[in-house]
Amino acid sequence: EDQGVQSLRQRHTAGVIPEARINLYPDALDALDED
């Protein structure tokens, strides 16, 4: 990312491609506990 290249992290949070995890699992954080 510091070199201006899209990273794996960005690819899965941008949601441009259908298989991006943010598209597949939009409610992923719902199961996160306080710890």
All heavy atoms as atom14 arrays in JSON, in Angstrom:
{
  "sequence": "EDQGVQSLRQRHTAGVIPEARINLYPDALDALDED",
  "atom14_mask": [
    [1, 1, 1, 1, 1, 1, 1, 1, 1, 0, 0, 0, 0, 0],
    [1, 1, 1, 1, 1, 1, 1, 1, 0, 0, 0, 0, 0, 0],
    [1, 1, 1, 1, 1, 1, 1, 1, 1, 0, 0, 0, 0, 0],
    [1, 1, 1, 1, 0, 0, 0, 0, 0, 0, 0, 0, 0, 0],
    [1, 1, 1, 1, 1, 1, 1, 0, 0, 0, 0, 0, 0, 0],
    [1, 1, 1, 1, 1, 1, 1, 1, 1, 0, 0, 0, 0, 0],
    [1, 1, 1, 1, 1, 1, 0, 0, 0, 0, 0, 0, 0, 0],
    [1, 1, 1, 1, 1, 1, 1, 1, 0, 0, 0, 0, 0, 0],
    [1, 1, 1, 1, 1, 1, 1, 1, 1, 1, 1, 0, 0, 0],
    [1, 1, 1, 1, 1, 1, 1, 1, 1, 0, 0, 0, 0, 0],
    [1, 1, 1, 1, 1, 1, 1, 1, 1, 1, 1, 0, 0, 0],
    [1, 1, 1, 1, 1, 1, 1, 1, 1, 1, 0, 0, 0, 0],
    [1, 1, 1, 1, 1, 1, 1, 0, 0, 0, 0, 0, 0, 0],
    [1, 1, 1, 1, 1, 0, 0, 0, 0, 0, 0, 0, 0, 0],
    [1, 1, 1, 1, 0, 0, 0, 0, 0, 0, 0, 0, 0, 0],
    [1, 1, 1, 1, 1, 1, 1, 0, 0, 0, 0, 0, 0, 0],
    [1, 1, 1, 1, 1, 1, 1, 1, 0, 0, 0, 0, 0, 0],
    [1, 1, 1, 1, 1, 1, 1, 0, 0, 0, 0, 0, 0, 0],
    [1, 1, 1, 1, 1, 1, 1, 1, 1, 0, 0, 0, 0, 0],
    [1, 1, 1, 1, 1, 0, 0, 0, 0, 0, 0, 0, 0, 0],
    [1, 1, 1, 1, 1, 1, 1, 1, 1, 1, 1, 0, 0, 0],
    [1, 1, 1, 1, 1, 1, 1, 1, 0, 0, 0, 0, 0, 0],
    [1, 1, 1, 1, 1, 1, 1, 1, 0, 0, 0, 0, 0, 0],
    [1, 1, 1, 1, 1, 1, 1, 1, 0, 0, 0, 0, 0, 0],
    [1, 1, 1, 1, 1, 1, 1, 1, 1, 1, 1, 1, 0, 0],
    [1, 1, 1, 1, 1, 1, 1, 0, 0, 0, 0, 0, 0, 0],
    [1, 1, 1, 1, 1, 1, 1, 1, 0, 0, 0, 0, 0, 0],
    [1, 1, 1, 1, 1, 0, 0, 0, 0, 0, 0, 0, 0, 0],
    [1, 1, 1, 1, 1, 1, 1, 1, 0, 0, 0, 0, 0, 0],
    [1, 1, 1, 1, 1, 1, 1, 1, 0, 0, 0, 0, 0, 0],
    [1, 1, 1, 1, 1, 0, 0, 0, 0, 0, 0, 0, 0, 0],
    [1, 1, 1, 1, 1, 1, 1, 1, 0, 0, 0, 0, 0, 0],
    [1, 1, 1, 1, 1, 1, 1, 1, 0, 0, 0, 0, 0, 0],
    [1, 1, 1, 1, 1, 1, 1, 1, 1, 0, 0, 0, 0, 0],
    [1, 1, 1, 1, 1, 1, 1, 1, 0, 0, 0, 0, 0, 0]
  ],
  "atom14_positions": [
    [[0.83, -1.21, 0.0], [0.0, 0.0, 0.0], [0.86, 1.26, 0.0], [0.52, 2.26, -0.65], [-0.94, -0.02, 1.21], [-1.99, -1.11, 1.12], [-2.78, -1.28, 2.41], [-2.86, -0.32, 3.19], [-3.32, -2.38, 2.63], [0.0, 0.0, 0.0], [0.0, 0.0, 0.0], [0.0, 0.0, 0.0], [0.0, 0.0, 0.0], [0.0, 0.0, 0.0]],
    [[1.97, 1.22, 0.72], [2.88, 2.36, 0.76], [3.54, 2.62, -0.59], [4.07, 3.71, -0.82], [3.95, 2.15, 1.83], [3.39, 2.23, 3.24], [2.28, 2.77, 3.42], [4.06, 1.74, 4.18], [0.0, 0.0, 0.0], [0.0, 0.0, 0.0], [0.0, 0.0, 0.0], [0.0, 0.0, 0.0], [0.0, 0.0, 0.0], [0.0, 0.0, 0.0]],
    [[3.5, 1.62, -1.46], [4.05, 1.77, -2.81], [2.96, 2.05, -3.85], [3.23, 2.03, -5.05], [4.83, 0.51, -3.2], [6.03, 0.24, -2.32], [6.75, -1.03, -2.7], [7.42, -1.11, -3.74], [6.63, -2.05, -1.86], [0.0, 0.0, 0.0], [0.0, 0.0, 0.0], [0.0, 0.0, 0.0], [0.0, 0.0, 0.0], [0.0, 0.0, 0.0]],
    [[1.74, 2.28, -3.39], [0.66, 2.59, -4.3], [0.06, 1.38, -4.98], [-0.6, 1.5, -6.02], [0.0, 0.0, 0.0], [0.0, 0.0, 0.0], [0.0, 0.0, 0.0], [0.0, 0.0, 0.0], [0.0, 0.0, 0.0], [0.0, 0.0, 0.0], [0.0, 0.0, 0.0], [0.0, 0.0, 0.0], [0.0, 0.0, 0.0], [0.0, 0.0, 0.0]],
    [[0.27, 0.2, -4.39], [-0.24, -1.05, -4.96], [-1.38, -1.56, -4.09], [-1.25, -1.63, -2.86], [0.88, -2.11, -5.04], [0.33, -3.42, -5.59], [2.03, -1.61, -5.91], [0.0, 0.0, 0.0], [0.0, 0.0, 0.0], [0.0, 0.0, 0.0], [0.0, 0.0, 0.0], [0.0, 0.0, 0.0], [0.0, 0.0, 0.0], [0.0, 0.0, 0.0]],
    [[-2.49, -1.93, -4.72], [-3.62, -2.45, -3.97], [-3.23, -3.77, -3.3], [-2.74, -4.69, -3.94], [-4.82, -2.68, -4.88], [-6.08, -3.08, -4.13], [-7.24, -3.38, -5.05], [-7.16, -4.25, -5.91], [-8.33, -2.65, -4.88], [0.0, 0.0, 0.0], [0.0, 0.0, 0.0], [0.0, 0.0, 0.0], [0.0, 0.0, 0.0], [0.0, 0.0, 0.0]],
    [[-3.45, -3.85, -2.01], [-3.09, -5.04, -1.24], [-4.25, -6.02, -1.15], [-5.39, -5.7, -1.51], [-2.66, -4.65, 0.17], [-3.78, -4.15, 0.89], [0.0, 0.0, 0.0], [0.0, 0.0, 0.0], [0.0, 0.0, 0.0], [0.0, 0.0, 0.0], [0.0, 0.0, 0.0], [0.0, 0.0, 0.0], [0.0, 0.0, 0.0], [0.0, 0.0, 0.0]],
    [[-3.96, -7.21, -0.64], [-5.01, -8.2, -0.39], [-6.04, -7.63, 0.59], [-7.26, -7.81, 0.41], [-4.38, -9.47, 0.18], [-5.32, -10.65, 0.42], [-5.8, -11.24, -0.89], [-4.62, -11.73, 1.25], [0.0, 0.0, 0.0], [0.0, 0.0, 0.0], [0.0, 0.0, 0.0], [0.0, 0.0, 0.0], [0.0, 0.0, 0.0], [0.0, 0.0, 0.0]],
    [[-5.56, -6.94, 1.61], [-6.46, -6.31, 2.59], [-7.43, -5.36, 1.89], [-8.66, -5.44, 2.11], [-5.62, -5.53, 3.6], [-6.44, -4.82, 4.68], [-5.56, -3.88, 5.5], [-5.28, -2.64, 4.78], [-6.08, -1.58, 4.79], [-7.23, -1.61, 5.44], [-5.76, -0.48, 4.13], [0.0, 0.0, 0.0], [0.0, 0.0, 0.0], [0.0, 0.0, 0.0]],
    [[-6.92, -4.49, 1.06], [-7.77, -3.51, 0.38], [-8.73, -4.17, -0.6], [-9.88, -3.73, -0.74], [-6.89, -2.5, -0.36], [-6.12, -1.58, 0.57], [-5.15, -0.7, -0.19], [-4.47, -1.14, -1.12], [-5.07, 0.57, 0.21], [0.0, 0.0, 0.0], [0.0, 0.0, 0.0], [0.0, 0.0, 0.0], [0.0, 0.0, 0.0], [0.0, 0.0, 0.0]],
    [[-8.26, -5.22, -1.27], [-9.12, -5.89, -2.25], [-10.35, -6.49, -1.58], [-11.44, -6.49, -2.14], [-8.32, -6.97, -2.98], [-9.0, -7.5, -4.21], [-8.03, -8.12, -5.2], [-7.31, -9.26, -4.65], [-6.02, -9.27, -4.35], [-5.3, -8.17, -4.5], [-5.44, -10.35, -3.87], [0.0, 0.0, 0.0], [0.0, 0.0, 0.0], [0.0, 0.0, 0.0]],
    [[-10.17, -6.98, -0.36], [-11.29, -7.62, 0.33], [-12.14, -6.66, 1.15], [-13.21, -7.04, 1.62], [-10.77, -8.77, 1.2], [-10.47, -9.99, 0.42], [-11.43, -10.9, 0.07], [-9.3, -10.45, -0.12], [-10.87, -11.89, -0.64], [-9.58, -11.63, -0.77], [0.0, 0.0, 0.0], [0.0, 0.0, 0.0], [0.0, 0.0, 0.0], [0.0, 0.0, 0.0]],
    [[-11.69, -5.43, 1.33], [-12.51, -4.44, 2.04], [-13.18, -3.47, 1.07], [-14.19, -2.85, 1.42], [-11.68, -3.64, 3.06], [-10.56, -3.05, 2.41], [-11.2, -4.54, 4.18], [0.0, 0.0, 0.0], [0.0, 0.0, 0.0], [0.0, 0.0, 0.0], [0.0, 0.0, 0.0], [0.0, 0.0, 0.0], [0.0, 0.0, 0.0], [0.0, 0.0, 0.0]],
    [[-12.64, -3.34, -0.14], [-13.22, -2.4, -1.11], [-14.57, -2.89, -1.64], [-15.46, -2.1, -1.95], [-12.25, -2.19, -2.27], [0.0, 0.0, 0.0], [0.0, 0.0, 0.0], [0.0, 0.0, 0.0], [0.0, 0.0, 0.0], [0.0, 0.0, 0.0], [0.0, 0.0, 0.0], [0.0, 0.0, 0.0], [0.0, 0.0, 0.0], [0.0, 0.0, 0.0]],
    [[-14.68, -4.21, -1.77], [-15.96, -4.77, -2.21], [-16.24, -4.66, -3.69], [-17.37, -4.87, -4.13], [0.0, 0.0, 0.0], [0.0, 0.0, 0.0], [0.0, 0.0, 0.0], [0.0, 0.0, 0.0], [0.0, 0.0, 0.0], [0.0, 0.0, 0.0], [0.0, 0.0, 0.0], [0.0, 0.0, 0.0], [0.0, 0.0, 0.0], [0.0, 0.0, 0.0]],
    [[-15.22, -4.36, -4.49], [-15.42, -4.2, -5.93], [-15.7, -5.56, -6.58], [-16.6, -5.69, -7.42], [-14.2, -3.53, -6.59], [-14.34, -3.52, -8.11], [-14.02, -2.12, -6.06], [0.0, 0.0, 0.0], [0.0, 0.0, 0.0], [0.0, 0.0, 0.0], [0.0, 0.0, 0.0], [0.0, 0.0, 0.0], [0.0, 0.0, 0.0], [0.0, 0.0, 0.0]],
    [[-14.93, -6.57, -6.19], [-15.12, -7.9, -6.76], [-16.14, -8.67, -5.92], [-16.18, -8.52, -4.7], [-13.79, -8.67, -6.85], [-13.09, -8.72, -5.49], [-12.89, -8.04, -7.9], [-11.81, -9.56, -5.48], [0.0, 0.0, 0.0], [0.0, 0.0, 0.0], [0.0, 0.0, 0.0], [0.0, 0.0, 0.0], [0.0, 0.0, 0.0], [0.0, 0.0, 0.0]],
    [[-16.97, -9.5, -6.56], [-18.03, -10.2, -5.81], [-17.49, -11.08, -4.69], [-18.14, -11.21, -3.64], [-18.7, -11.05, -6.89], [-18.41, -10.36, -8.18], [-17.05, -9.74, -8.01], [0.0, 0.0, 0.0], [0.0, 0.0, 0.0], [0.0, 0.0, 0.0], [0.0, 0.0, 0.0], [0.0, 0.0, 0.0], [0.0, 0.0, 0.0], [0.0, 0.0, 0.0]],
    [[-16.3, -11.68, -4.9], [-15.76, -12.6, -3.89], [-15.01, -11.89, -2.76], [-14.42, -12.54, -1.88], [-14.83, -13.63, -4.53], [-13.58, -13.08, -5.18], [-13.77, -12.72, -6.65], [-14.92, -12.46, -7.07], [-12.77, -12.72, -7.39], [0.0, 0.0, 0.0], [0.0, 0.0, 0.0], [0.0, 0.0, 0.0], [0.0, 0.0, 0.0], [0.0, 0.0, 0.0]],
    [[-15.01, -10.57, -2.74], [-14.41, -9.83, -1.62], [-15.1, -10.24, -0.33], [-16.33, -10.37, -0.27], [-14.54, -8.33, -1.84], [0.0, 0.0, 0.0], [0.0, 0.0, 0.0], [0.0, 0.0, 0.0], [0.0, 0.0, 0.0], [0.0, 0.0, 0.0], [0.0, 0.0, 0.0], [0.0, 0.0, 0.0], [0.0, 0.0, 0.0], [0.0, 0.0, 0.0]],
    [[-14.32, -10.45, 0.71], [-14.91, -10.96, 1.96], [-15.92, -10.0, 2.57], [-16.84, -10.42, 3.28], [-13.8, -11.28, 2.96], [-12.93, -12.44, 2.52], [-12.13, -13.02, 3.66], [-11.17, -14.02, 3.18], [-10.45, -14.79, 3.96], [-10.56, -14.69, 5.28], [-9.59, -15.66, 3.44], [0.0, 0.0, 0.0], [0.0, 0.0, 0.0], [0.0, 0.0, 0.0]],
    [[-15.78, -8.72, 2.3], [-16.75, -7.78, 2.85], [-18.12, -7.97, 2.2], [-19.16, -7.65, 2.78], [-16.26, -6.33, 2.68], [-16.98, -5.4, 3.65], [-16.41, -5.84, 1.23], [-16.34, -4.06, 3.83], [0.0, 0.0, 0.0], [0.0, 0.0, 0.0], [0.0, 0.0, 0.0], [0.0, 0.0, 0.0], [0.0, 0.0, 0.0], [0.0, 0.0, 0.0]],
    [[-18.12, -8.53, 0.98], [-19.38, -8.88, 0.31], [-19.91, -10.23, 0.78], [-21.12, -10.41, 0.95], [-19.18, -8.92, -1.2], [-18.88, -7.56, -1.79], [-19.3, -6.53, -1.25], [-18.14, -7.52, -2.89], [0.0, 0.0, 0.0], [0.0, 0.0, 0.0], [0.0, 0.0, 0.0], [0.0, 0.0, 0.0], [0.0, 0.0, 0.0], [0.0, 0.0, 0.0]],
    [[-18.99, -11.18, 0.97], [-19.4, -12.53, 1.37], [-19.88, -12.59, 2.81], [-20.81, -13.33, 3.13], [-18.23, -13.5, 1.17], [-17.72, -13.72, -0.25], [-16.52, -14.66, -0.25], [-18.82, -14.27, -1.15], [0.0, 0.0, 0.0], [0.0, 0.0, 0.0], [0.0, 0.0, 0.0], [0.0, 0.0, 0.0], [0.0, 0.0, 0.0], [0.0, 0.0, 0.0]],
    [[-19.22, -11.81, 3.68], [-19.52, -11.91, 5.11], [-19.73, -10.51, 5.71], [-18.97, -10.06, 6.57], [-18.37, -12.61, 5.85], [-17.84, -13.82, 5.11], [-16.51, -13.87, 4.67], [-18.65, -14.92, 4.84], [-16.02, -14.97, 3.99], [-18.17, -16.03, 4.16], [-16.85, -16.04, 3.72], [-16.36, -17.14, 3.05], [0.0, 0.0, 0.0], [0.0, 0.0, 0.0]],
    [[-20.77, -9.81, 5.27], [-20.97, -8.42, 5.73], [-21.26, -8.3, 7.23], [-21.08, -7.23, 7.81], [-22.18, -7.96, 4.9], [-22.9, -9.22, 4.54], [-21.82, -10.25, 4.35], [0.0, 0.0, 0.0], [0.0, 0.0, 0.0], [0.0, 0.0, 0.0], [0.0, 0.0, 0.0], [0.0, 0.0, 0.0], [0.0, 0.0, 0.0], [0.0, 0.0, 0.0]],
    [[-21.68, -9.4, 7.84], [-22.02, -9.35, 9.28], [-20.94, -10.0, 10.15], [-21.21, -10.38, 11.29], [-23.36, -10.06, 9.51], [-24.49, -9.44, 8.7], [-24.5, -8.21, 8.56], [-25.34, -10.2, 8.19], [0.0, 0.0, 0.0], [0.0, 0.0, 0.0], [0.0, 0.0, 0.0], [0.0, 0.0, 0.0], [0.0, 0.0, 0.0], [0.0, 0.0, 0.0]],
    [[-19.75, -10.12, 9.63], [-18.69, -10.86, 10.32], [-18.41, -10.33, 11.72], [-18.16, -11.1, 12.66], [-17.4, -10.84, 9.49], [0.0, 0.0, 0.0], [0.0, 0.0, 0.0], [0.0, 0.0, 0.0], [0.0, 0.0, 0.0], [0.0, 0.0, 0.0], [0.0, 0.0, 0.0], [0.0, 0.0, 0.0], [0.0, 0.0, 0.0], [0.0, 0.0, 0.0]],
    [[-18.48, -9.02, 11.9], [-18.14, -8.43, 13.19], [-19.22, -8.62, 14.25], [-18.98, -8.37, 15.43], [-17.83, -6.94, 13.03], [-16.6, -6.57, 12.2], [-16.36, -5.07, 12.27], [-15.37, -7.33, 12.67], [0.0, 0.0, 0.0], [0.0, 0.0, 0.0], [0.0, 0.0, 0.0], [0.0, 0.0, 0.0], [0.0, 0.0, 0.0], [0.0, 0.0, 0.0]],
    [[-20.38, -9.07, 13.84], [-21.48, -9.23, 14.8], [-21.14, -10.26, 15.88], [-21.65, -10.19, 17.0], [-22.75, -9.66, 14.08], [-23.33, -8.56, 13.21], [-22.8, -7.43, 13.27], [-24.29, -8.83, 12.47], [0.0, 0.0, 0.0], [0.0, 0.0, 0.0], [0.0, 0.0, 0.0], [0.0, 0.0, 0.0], [0.0, 0.0, 0.0], [0.0, 0.0, 0.0]],
    [[-20.27, -11.22, 15.53], [-19.93, -12.29, 16.47], [-18.73, -11.96, 17.34], [-18.33, -12.76, 18.19], [-19.67, -13.59, 15.7], [0.0, 0.0, 0.0], [0.0, 0.0, 0.0], [0.0, 0.0, 0.0], [0.0, 0.0, 0.0], [0.0, 0.0, 0.0], [0.0, 0.0, 0.0], [0.0, 0.0, 0.0], [0.0, 0.0, 0.0], [0.0, 0.0, 0.0]],
    [[-18.16, -10.77, 17.18], [-16.96, -10.39, 17.93], [-17.3, -10.04, 19.37], [-18.2, -9.23, 19.63], [-16.29, -9.19, 17.25], [-14.98, -8.7, 17.86], [-13.87, -9.74, 17.67], [-14.56, -7.36, 17.23], [0.0, 0.0, 0.0], [0.0, 0.0, 0.0], [0.0, 0.0, 0.0], [0.0, 0.0, 0.0], [0.0, 0.0, 0.0], [0.0, 0.0, 0.0]],
    [[-16.58, -10.63, 20.31], [-16.81, -10.35, 21.72], [-15.93, -9.17, 22.16], [-15.03, -8.74, 21.45], [-16.47, -11.6, 22.56], [-17.28, -11.64, 23.84], [-17.69, -10.57, 24.33], [-17.49, -12.75, 24.37], [0.0, 0.0, 0.0], [0.0, 0.0, 0.0], [0.0, 0.0, 0.0], [0.0, 0.0, 0.0], [0.0, 0.0, 0.0], [0.0, 0.0, 0.0]],
    [[-16.2, -8.68, 23.38], [-15.47, -7.52, 23.89], [-13.99, -7.81, 24.07], [-13.16, -6.89, 24.02], [-16.08, -7.07, 25.22], [-17.46, -6.47, 25.08], [-18.01, -6.0, 26.42], [-17.31, -6.2, 27.44], [-19.13, -5.43, 26.45], [0.0, 0.0, 0.0], [0.0, 0.0, 0.0], [0.0, 0.0, 0.0], [0.0, 0.0, 0.0], [0.0, 0.0, 0.0]],
    [[-13.63, -9.07, 24.3], [-12.22, -9.41, 24.48], [-11.57, -9.84, 23.16], [-10.49, -10.41, 23.15], [-12.07, -10.53, 25.52], [-12.76, -11.83, 25.1], [-13.46, -11.84, 24.06], [-12.59, -12.83, 25.81], [0.0, 0.0, 0.0], [0.0, 0.0, 0.0], [0.0, 0.0, 0.0], [0.0, 0.0, 0.0], [0.0, 0.0, 0.0], [0.0, 0.0, 0.0]]
  ]
}
